[in-house]
């Protein structure tokens, strides 16, 4: 499992993010405080405080390079 910080501070970013990770068969969780939601759930994402960075847990060790490339627009360096 790998965890990275991402920013989803606009509606269009949320939509493109969900579409980007939907192509993978792995589980992705968004962690904000004590809340953990499925990162592929648009409704779940909108229940979080999107004004702050969110932790994204990637539940795989495979294809990490490909996943990180897809996540580049959302990553907080």
PDB file of N, CA and C in Angstrom:
ATOM      1  N   UNK A   1       0.835  -1.182   0.000  1.00  0.00           N
ATOM      2  CA  UNK A   1       0.000   0.000   0.000  1.00  0.00           C
ATOM      3  C   UNK A   1       0.881   1.247   0.000  1.00  0.00           C
ATOM      4  N   UNK A   2       0.449   2.246  -0.741  1.00  0.00           N
ATOM      5  CA  UNK A   2       1.171   3.515  -0.798  1.00  0.00           C
ATOM      6  C   UNK A   2       0.178   4.631  -0.497  1.00  0.00           C
ATOM      7  N   UNK A   3       0.617   5.644   0.242  1.00  0.00           N
ATOM      8  CA  UNK A   3      -0.238   6.782   0.553  1.00  0.00           C
ATOM      9  C   UNK A   3       0.406   8.058   0.028  1.00  0.00           C
ATOM     10  N   UNK A   4      -0.399   8.879  -0.656  1.00  0.00           N
ATOM     11  CA  UNK A   4       0.060  10.164  -1.184  1.00  0.00           C
ATOM     12  C   UNK A   4      -0.968  11.232  -0.820  1.00  0.00           C
ATOM     13  N   UNK A   5      -0.548  12.486  -0.855  1.00  0.00           N
ATOM     14  CA  UNK A   5      -1.485  13.589  -0.605  1.00  0.00           C
ATOM     15  C   UNK A   5      -1.923  14.183  -1.928  1.00  0.00           C
ATOM     16  N   UNK A   6      -3.241  14.404  -2.038  1.00  0.00           N
ATOM     17  CA  UNK A   6      -3.776  14.984  -3.259  1.00  0.00           C
ATOM     18  C   UNK A   6      -4.660  16.181  -2.926  1.00  0.00           C
ATOM     19  N   UNK A   7      -4.939  16.969  -3.958  1.00  0.00           N
ATOM     20  CA  UNK A   7      -5.841  18.108  -3.835  1.00  0.00           C
ATOM     21  C   UNK A   7      -6.958  17.951  -4.857  1.00  0.00           C
ATOM     22  N   UNK A   8      -8.191  18.026  -4.375  1.00  0.00           N
ATOM     23  CA  UNK A   8      -9.372  17.954  -5.248  1.00  0.00           C
ATOM     24  C   UNK A   8     -10.231  19.183  -4.955  1.00  0.00           C
ATOM     25  N   UNK A   9      -9.720  20.342  -5.333  1.00  0.00           N
ATOM     26  CA  UNK A   9     -10.343  21.596  -4.914  1.00  0.00           C
ATOM     27  C   UNK A   9     -11.334  22.185  -5.918  1.00  0.00           C
ATOM     28  N   UNK A  10     -11.788  21.382  -6.891  1.00  0.00           N
ATOM     29  CA  UNK A  10     -12.826  21.855  -7.810  1.00  0.00           C
ATOM     30  C   UNK A  10     -13.668  20.673  -8.273  1.00  0.00           C
ATOM     31  N   UNK A  11     -14.884  20.966  -8.714  1.00  0.00           N
ATOM     32  CA  UNK A  11     -15.795  19.910  -9.165  1.00  0.00           C
ATOM     33  C   UNK A  11     -15.215  19.180 -10.370  1.00  0.00           C
ATOM     34  N   UNK A  12     -14.627  19.928 -11.292  1.00  0.00           N
ATOM     35  CA  UNK A  12     -14.065  19.282 -12.487  1.00  0.00           C
ATOM     36  C   UNK A  12     -12.881  18.384 -12.123  1.00  0.00           C
ATOM     37  N   UNK A  13     -12.093  18.792 -11.123  1.00  0.00           N
ATOM     38  CA  UNK A  13     -10.972  17.955 -10.680  1.00  0.00           C
ATOM     39  C   UNK A  13     -11.481  16.641 -10.088  1.00  0.00           C
ATOM     40  N   UNK A  14     -12.559  16.709  -9.326  1.00  0.00           N
ATOM     41  CA  UNK A  14     -13.127  15.496  -8.732  1.00  0.00           C
ATOM     42  C   UNK A  14     -13.589  14.542  -9.833  1.00  0.00           C
ATOM     43  N   UNK A  15     -14.285  15.068 -10.826  1.00  0.00           N
ATOM     44  CA  UNK A  15     -14.776  14.230 -11.925  1.00  0.00           C
ATOM     45  C   UNK A  15     -13.629  13.567 -12.687  1.00  0.00           C
ATOM     46  N   UNK A  16     -12.619  14.346 -13.055  1.00  0.00           N
ATOM     47  CA  UNK A  16     -11.503  13.772 -13.816  1.00  0.00           C
ATOM     48  C   UNK A  16     -10.712  12.786 -12.964  1.00  0.00           C
ATOM     49  N   UNK A  17     -10.589  13.065 -11.661  1.00  0.00           N
ATOM     50  CA  UNK A  17      -9.884  12.158 -10.751  1.00  0.00           C
ATOM     51  C   UNK A  17     -10.586  10.800 -10.694  1.00  0.00           C
ATOM     52  N   UNK A  18     -11.907  10.810 -10.491  1.00  0.00           N
ATOM     53  CA  UNK A  18     -12.664   9.552 -10.400  1.00  0.00           C
ATOM     54  C   UNK A  18     -12.567   8.779 -11.715  1.00  0.00           C
ATOM     55  N   UNK A  19     -12.684   9.471 -12.843  1.00  0.00           N
ATOM     56  CA  UNK A  19     -12.553   8.803 -14.142  1.00  0.00           C
ATOM     57  C   UNK A  19     -11.153   8.222 -14.330  1.00  0.00           C
ATOM     58  N   UNK A  20     -10.135   8.927 -13.846  1.00  0.00           N
ATOM     59  CA  UNK A  20      -8.743   8.477 -14.008  1.00  0.00           C
ATOM     60  C   UNK A  20      -8.477   7.201 -13.214  1.00  0.00           C
ATOM     61  N   UNK A  21      -8.954   7.148 -11.971  1.00  0.00           N
ATOM     62  CA  UNK A  21      -8.652   5.951 -11.159  1.00  0.00           C
ATOM     63  C   UNK A  21      -9.618   4.808 -11.422  1.00  0.00           C
ATOM     64  N   UNK A  22     -10.748   5.078 -12.057  1.00  0.00           N
ATOM     65  CA  UNK A  22     -11.731   4.020 -12.339  1.00  0.00           C
ATOM     66  C   UNK A  22     -11.173   2.971 -13.303  1.00  0.00           C
ATOM     67  N   UNK A  23     -10.137   3.339 -14.065  1.00  0.00           N
ATOM     68  CA  UNK A  23      -9.559   2.385 -15.017  1.00  0.00           C
ATOM     69  C   UNK A  23      -8.752   1.290 -14.325  1.00  0.00           C
ATOM     70  N   UNK A  24      -8.435   1.474 -13.047  1.00  0.00           N
ATOM     71  CA  UNK A  24      -7.650   0.476 -12.305  1.00  0.00           C
ATOM     72  C   UNK A  24      -8.579  -0.413 -11.482  1.00  0.00           C
ATOM     73  N   UNK A  25      -8.212  -1.691 -11.353  1.00  0.00           N
ATOM     74  CA  UNK A  25      -9.021  -2.641 -10.589  1.00  0.00           C
ATOM     75  C   UNK A  25      -8.663  -2.668  -9.109  1.00  0.00           C
ATOM     76  N   UNK A  26      -7.784  -1.794  -8.677  1.00  0.00           N
ATOM     77  CA  UNK A  26      -7.337  -1.780  -7.284  1.00  0.00           C
ATOM     78  C   UNK A  26      -8.252  -0.888  -6.454  1.00  0.00           C
ATOM     79  N   UNK A  27      -8.177  -1.059  -5.128  1.00  0.00           N
ATOM     80  CA  UNK A  27      -8.940  -0.196  -4.226  1.00  0.00           C
ATOM     81  C   UNK A  27      -8.152   1.068  -3.933  1.00  0.00           C
ATOM     82  N   UNK A  28      -8.865   2.178  -3.890  1.00  0.00           N
ATOM     83  CA  UNK A  28      -8.306   3.474  -3.525  1.00  0.00           C
ATOM     84  C   UNK A  28      -9.197   4.050  -2.430  1.00  0.00           C
ATOM     85  N   UNK A  29      -8.601   4.500  -1.322  1.00  0.00           N
ATOM     86  CA  UNK A  29      -9.361   5.134  -0.247  1.00  0.00           C
ATOM     87  C   UNK A  29      -8.882   6.552  -0.049  1.00  0.00           C
ATOM     88  N   UNK A  30      -9.825   7.455   0.205  1.00  0.00           N
ATOM     89  CA  UNK A  30      -9.491   8.823   0.585  1.00  0.00           C
ATOM     90  C   UNK A  30      -9.668   8.938   2.092  1.00  0.00           C
ATOM     91  N   UNK A  31      -8.659   9.523   2.754  1.00  0.00           N
ATOM     92  CA  UNK A  31      -8.664   9.623   4.209  1.00  0.00           C
ATOM     93  C   UNK A  31      -8.580  11.099   4.580  1.00  0.00           C
ATOM     94  N   UNK A  32      -9.606  11.558   5.278  1.00  0.00           N
ATOM     95  CA  UNK A  32      -9.653  12.945   5.725  1.00  0.00           C
ATOM     96  C   UNK A  32     -10.086  12.941   7.181  1.00  0.00           C
ATOM     97  N   UNK A  33      -9.125  13.191   8.077  1.00  0.00           N
ATOM     98  CA  UNK A  33      -9.428  13.098   9.503  1.00  0.00           C
ATOM     99  C   UNK A  33      -9.795  11.677   9.868  1.00  0.00           C
ATOM    100  N   UNK A  34     -10.981  11.494  10.443  1.00  0.00           N
ATOM    101  CA  UNK A  34     -11.403  10.142  10.839  1.00  0.00           C
ATOM    102  C   UNK A  34     -12.266   9.466   9.782  1.00  0.00           C
ATOM    103  N   UNK A  35     -12.462  10.132   8.653  1.00  0.00           N
ATOM    104  CA  UNK A  35     -13.295   9.590   7.585  1.00  0.00           C
ATOM    105  C   UNK A  35     -12.449   8.874   6.544  1.00  0.00           C
ATOM    106  N   UNK A  36     -12.896   7.691   6.151  1.00  0.00           N
ATOM    107  CA  UNK A  36     -12.272   6.930   5.071  1.00  0.00           C
ATOM    108  C   UNK A  36     -13.377   6.585   4.078  1.00  0.00           C
ATOM    109  N   UNK A  37     -13.214   7.030   2.840  1.00  0.00           N
ATOM    110  CA  UNK A  37     -14.242   6.751   1.836  1.00  0.00           C
ATOM    111  C   UNK A  37     -13.598   6.156   0.584  1.00  0.00           C
ATOM    112  N   UNK A  38     -14.411   5.484  -0.202  1.00  0.00           N
ATOM    113  CA  UNK A  38     -13.965   4.901  -1.463  1.00  0.00           C
ATOM    114  C   UNK A  38     -13.661   6.042  -2.435  1.00  0.00           C
ATOM    115  N   UNK A  39     -12.446   6.097  -2.938  1.00  0.00           N
ATOM    116  CA  UNK A  39     -12.036   7.191  -3.821  1.00  0.00           C
ATOM    117  C   UNK A  39     -12.730   7.151  -5.173  1.00  0.00           C
ATOM    118  N   UNK A  40     -13.381   6.043  -5.495  1.00  0.00           N
ATOM    119  CA  UNK A  40     -14.097   5.944  -6.770  1.00  0.00           C
ATOM    120  C   UNK A  40     -15.545   6.412  -6.644  1.00  0.00           C
ATOM    121  N   UNK A  41     -15.928   6.885  -5.463  1.00  0.00           N
ATOM    122  CA  UNK A  41     -17.295   7.336  -5.206  1.00  0.00           C
ATOM    123  C   UNK A  41     -17.357   8.869  -5.239  1.00  0.00           C
ATOM    124  N   UNK A  42     -17.971   9.403  -6.285  1.00  0.00           N
ATOM    125  CA  UNK A  42     -18.086  10.864  -6.394  1.00  0.00           C
ATOM    126  C   UNK A  42     -18.886  11.418  -5.210  1.00  0.00           C
ATOM    127  N   UNK A  43     -19.965  10.764  -4.863  1.00  0.00           N
ATOM    128  CA  UNK A  43     -20.786  11.238  -3.738  1.00  0.00           C
ATOM    129  C   UNK A  43     -19.969  11.220  -2.437  1.00  0.00           C
ATOM    130  N   UNK A  44     -19.189  10.182  -2.248  1.00  0.00           N
ATOM    131  CA  UNK A  44     -18.358  10.101  -1.055  1.00  0.00           C
ATOM    132  C   UNK A  44     -17.335  11.221  -0.999  1.00  0.00           C
ATOM    133  N   UNK A  45     -16.720  11.523  -2.133  1.00  0.00           N
ATOM    134  CA  UNK A  45     -15.709  12.583  -2.189  1.00  0.00           C
ATOM    135  C   UNK A  45     -16.321  13.925  -1.807  1.00  0.00           C
ATOM    136  N   UNK A  46     -17.532  14.195  -2.295  1.00  0.00           N
ATOM    137  CA  UNK A  46     -18.165  15.477  -1.981  1.00  0.00           C
ATOM    138  C   UNK A  46     -18.599  15.587  -0.526  1.00  0.00           C
ATOM    139  N   UNK A  47     -18.543  14.478   0.225  1.00  0.00           N
ATOM    140  CA  UNK A  47     -18.857  14.545   1.650  1.00  0.00           C
ATOM    141  C   UNK A  47     -17.645  14.993   2.470  1.00  0.00           C
ATOM    142  N   UNK A  48     -16.483  15.084   1.833  1.00  0.00           N
ATOM    143  CA  UNK A  48     -15.258  15.492   2.524  1.00  0.00           C
ATOM    144  C   UNK A  48     -15.026  16.994   2.404  1.00  0.00           C
ATOM    145  N   UNK A  49     -14.153  17.512   3.254  1.00  0.00           N
ATOM    146  CA  UNK A  49     -13.738  18.914   3.177  1.00  0.00           C
ATOM    147  C   UNK A  49     -12.670  19.010   2.091  1.00  0.00           C
ATOM    148  N   UNK A  50     -13.057  19.498   0.915  1.00  0.00           N
ATOM    149  CA  UNK A  50     -12.144  19.515  -0.234  1.00  0.00           C
ATOM    150  C   UNK A  50     -11.234  20.734  -0.255  1.00  0.00           C
ATOM    151  N   UNK A  51     -11.356  21.595   0.738  1.00  0.00           N
ATOM    152  CA  UNK A  51     -10.484  22.776   0.775  1.00  0.00           C
ATOM    153  C   UNK A  51      -9.098  22.431   1.328  1.00  0.00           C
ATOM    154  N   UNK A  52      -8.967  21.232   1.910  1.00  0.00           N
ATOM    155  CA  UNK A  52      -7.697  20.792   2.495  1.00  0.00           C
ATOM    156  C   UNK A  52      -7.142  19.618   1.693  1.00  0.00           C
ATOM    157  N   UNK A  53      -5.833  19.384   1.795  1.00  0.00           N
ATOM    158  CA  UNK A  53      -5.260  18.188   1.151  1.00  0.00           C
ATOM    159  C   UNK A  53      -5.872  16.924   1.756  1.00  0.00           C
ATOM    160  N   UNK A  54      -5.977  15.891   0.938  1.00  0.00           N
ATOM    161  CA  UNK A  54      -6.572  14.617   1.352  1.00  0.00           C
ATOM    162  C   UNK A  54      -5.549  13.516   1.108  1.00  0.00           C
ATOM    163  N   UNK A  55      -5.481  12.560   2.026  1.00  0.00           N
ATOM    164  CA  UNK A  55      -4.601  11.411   1.841  1.00  0.00           C
ATOM    165  C   UNK A  55      -5.294  10.382   0.958  1.00  0.00           C
ATOM    166  N   UNK A  56      -4.564   9.878  -0.026  1.00  0.00           N
ATOM    167  CA  UNK A  56      -5.068   8.825  -0.907  1.00  0.00           C
ATOM    168  C   UNK A  56      -4.263   7.565  -0.642  1.00  0.00           C
ATOM    169  N   UNK A  57      -4.951   6.511  -0.203  1.00  0.00           N
ATOM    170  CA  UNK A  57      -4.305   5.216   0.033  1.00  0.00           C
ATOM    171  C   UNK A  57      -4.535   4.339  -1.191  1.00  0.00           C
ATOM    172  N   UNK A  58      -3.444   3.883  -1.786  1.00  0.00           N
ATOM    173  CA  UNK A  58      -3.491   3.030  -2.975  1.00  0.00           C
ATOM    174  C   UNK A  58      -3.196   1.604  -2.505  1.00  0.00           C
ATOM    175  N   UNK A  59      -4.171   0.718  -2.647  1.00  0.00           N
ATOM    176  CA  UNK A  59      -4.048  -0.636  -2.094  1.00  0.00           C
ATOM    177  C   UNK A  59      -3.491  -1.621  -3.116  1.00  0.00           C
ATOM    178  N   UNK A  60      -2.274  -1.370  -3.557  1.00  0.00           N
ATOM    179  CA  UNK A  60      -1.583  -2.301  -4.442  1.00  0.00           C
ATOM    180  C   UNK A  60      -0.097  -1.970  -4.448  1.00  0.00           C
ATOM    181  N   UNK A  61       0.695  -2.922  -4.844  1.00  0.00           N
ATOM    182  CA  UNK A  61       2.118  -2.677  -5.077  1.00  0.00           C
ATOM    183  C   UNK A  61       2.412  -2.773  -6.573  1.00  0.00           C
ATOM    184  N   UNK A  62       1.425  -3.221  -7.349  1.00  0.00           N
ATOM    185  CA  UNK A  62       1.589  -3.385  -8.787  1.00  0.00           C
ATOM    186  C   UNK A  62       1.235  -2.092  -9.506  1.00  0.00           C
ATOM    187  N   UNK A  63       1.858  -1.859 -10.650  1.00  0.00           N
ATOM    188  CA  UNK A  63       1.529  -0.731 -11.525  1.00  0.00           C
ATOM    189  C   UNK A  63       1.653   0.631 -10.842  1.00  0.00           C
ATOM    190  N   UNK A  64       2.443   0.747  -9.793  1.00  0.00           N
ATOM    191  CA  UNK A  64       2.529   2.022  -9.081  1.00  0.00           C
ATOM    192  C   UNK A  64       3.047   3.150  -9.966  1.00  0.00           C
ATOM    193  N   UNK A  65       3.981   2.848 -10.852  1.00  0.00           N
ATOM    194  CA  UNK A  65       4.496   3.891 -11.751  1.00  0.00           C
ATOM    195  C   UNK A  65       3.380   4.438 -12.633  1.00  0.00           C
ATOM    196  N   UNK A  66       2.576   3.539 -13.181  1.00  0.00           N
ATOM    197  CA  UNK A  66       1.462   3.944 -14.045  1.00  0.00           C
ATOM    198  C   UNK A  66       0.424   4.743 -13.255  1.00  0.00           C
ATOM    199  N   UNK A  67       0.115   4.275 -12.050  1.00  0.00           N
ATOM    200  CA  UNK A  67      -0.861   4.973 -11.199  1.00  0.00           C
ATOM    201  C   UNK A  67      -0.354   6.363 -10.838  1.00  0.00           C
ATOM    202  N   UNK A  68       0.911   6.479 -10.465  1.00  0.00           N
ATOM    203  CA  UNK A  68       1.475   7.782 -10.076  1.00  0.00           C
ATOM    204  C   UNK A  68       1.469   8.751 -11.259  1.00  0.00           C
ATOM    205  N   UNK A  69       1.672   8.234 -12.457  1.00  0.00           N
ATOM    206  CA  UNK A  69       1.629   9.083 -13.656  1.00  0.00           C
ATOM    207  C   UNK A  69       0.221   9.648 -13.855  1.00  0.00           C
ATOM    208  N   UNK A  70      -0.798   8.820 -13.670  1.00  0.00           N
ATOM    209  CA  UNK A  70      -2.190   9.248 -13.805  1.00  0.00           C
ATOM    210  C   UNK A  70      -2.557  10.263 -12.709  1.00  0.00           C
ATOM    211  N   UNK A  71      -1.966  10.092 -11.524  1.00  0.00           N
ATOM    212  CA  UNK A  71      -2.296  10.972 -10.400  1.00  0.00           C
ATOM    213  C   UNK A  71      -1.545  12.293 -10.392  1.00  0.00           C
ATOM    214  N   UNK A  72      -0.573  12.463 -11.273  1.00  0.00           N
ATOM    215  CA  UNK A  72       0.271  13.674 -11.267  1.00  0.00           C
ATOM    216  C   UNK A  72      -0.491  14.996 -11.151  1.00  0.00           C
ATOM    217  N   UNK A  73      -1.588  15.197 -11.899  1.00  0.00           N
ATOM    218  CA  UNK A  73      -2.283  16.496 -11.806  1.00  0.00           C
ATOM    219  C   UNK A  73      -2.893  16.775 -10.425  1.00  0.00           C
ATOM    220  N   UNK A  74      -3.029  15.753  -9.602  1.00  0.00           N
ATOM    221  CA  UNK A  74      -3.709  15.906  -8.315  1.00  0.00           C
ATOM    222  C   UNK A  74      -2.753  15.879  -7.118  1.00  0.00           C
ATOM    223  N   UNK A  75      -1.518  15.480  -7.356  1.00  0.00           N
ATOM    224  CA  UNK A  75      -0.556  15.306  -6.266  1.00  0.00           C
ATOM    225  C   UNK A  75      -0.106  16.639  -5.687  1.00  0.00           C
ATOM    226  N   UNK A  76       0.130  16.622  -4.383  1.00  0.00           N
ATOM    227  CA  UNK A  76       0.733  17.759  -3.703  1.00  0.00           C
ATOM    228  C   UNK A  76       2.185  17.389  -3.454  1.00  0.00           C
ATOM    229  N   UNK A  77       3.075  18.148  -4.009  1.00  0.00           N
ATOM    230  CA  UNK A  77       4.517  17.821  -3.890  1.00  0.00           C
ATOM    231  C   UNK A  77       5.039  18.229  -2.541  1.00  0.00           C
TER     232      UNK A  77
END
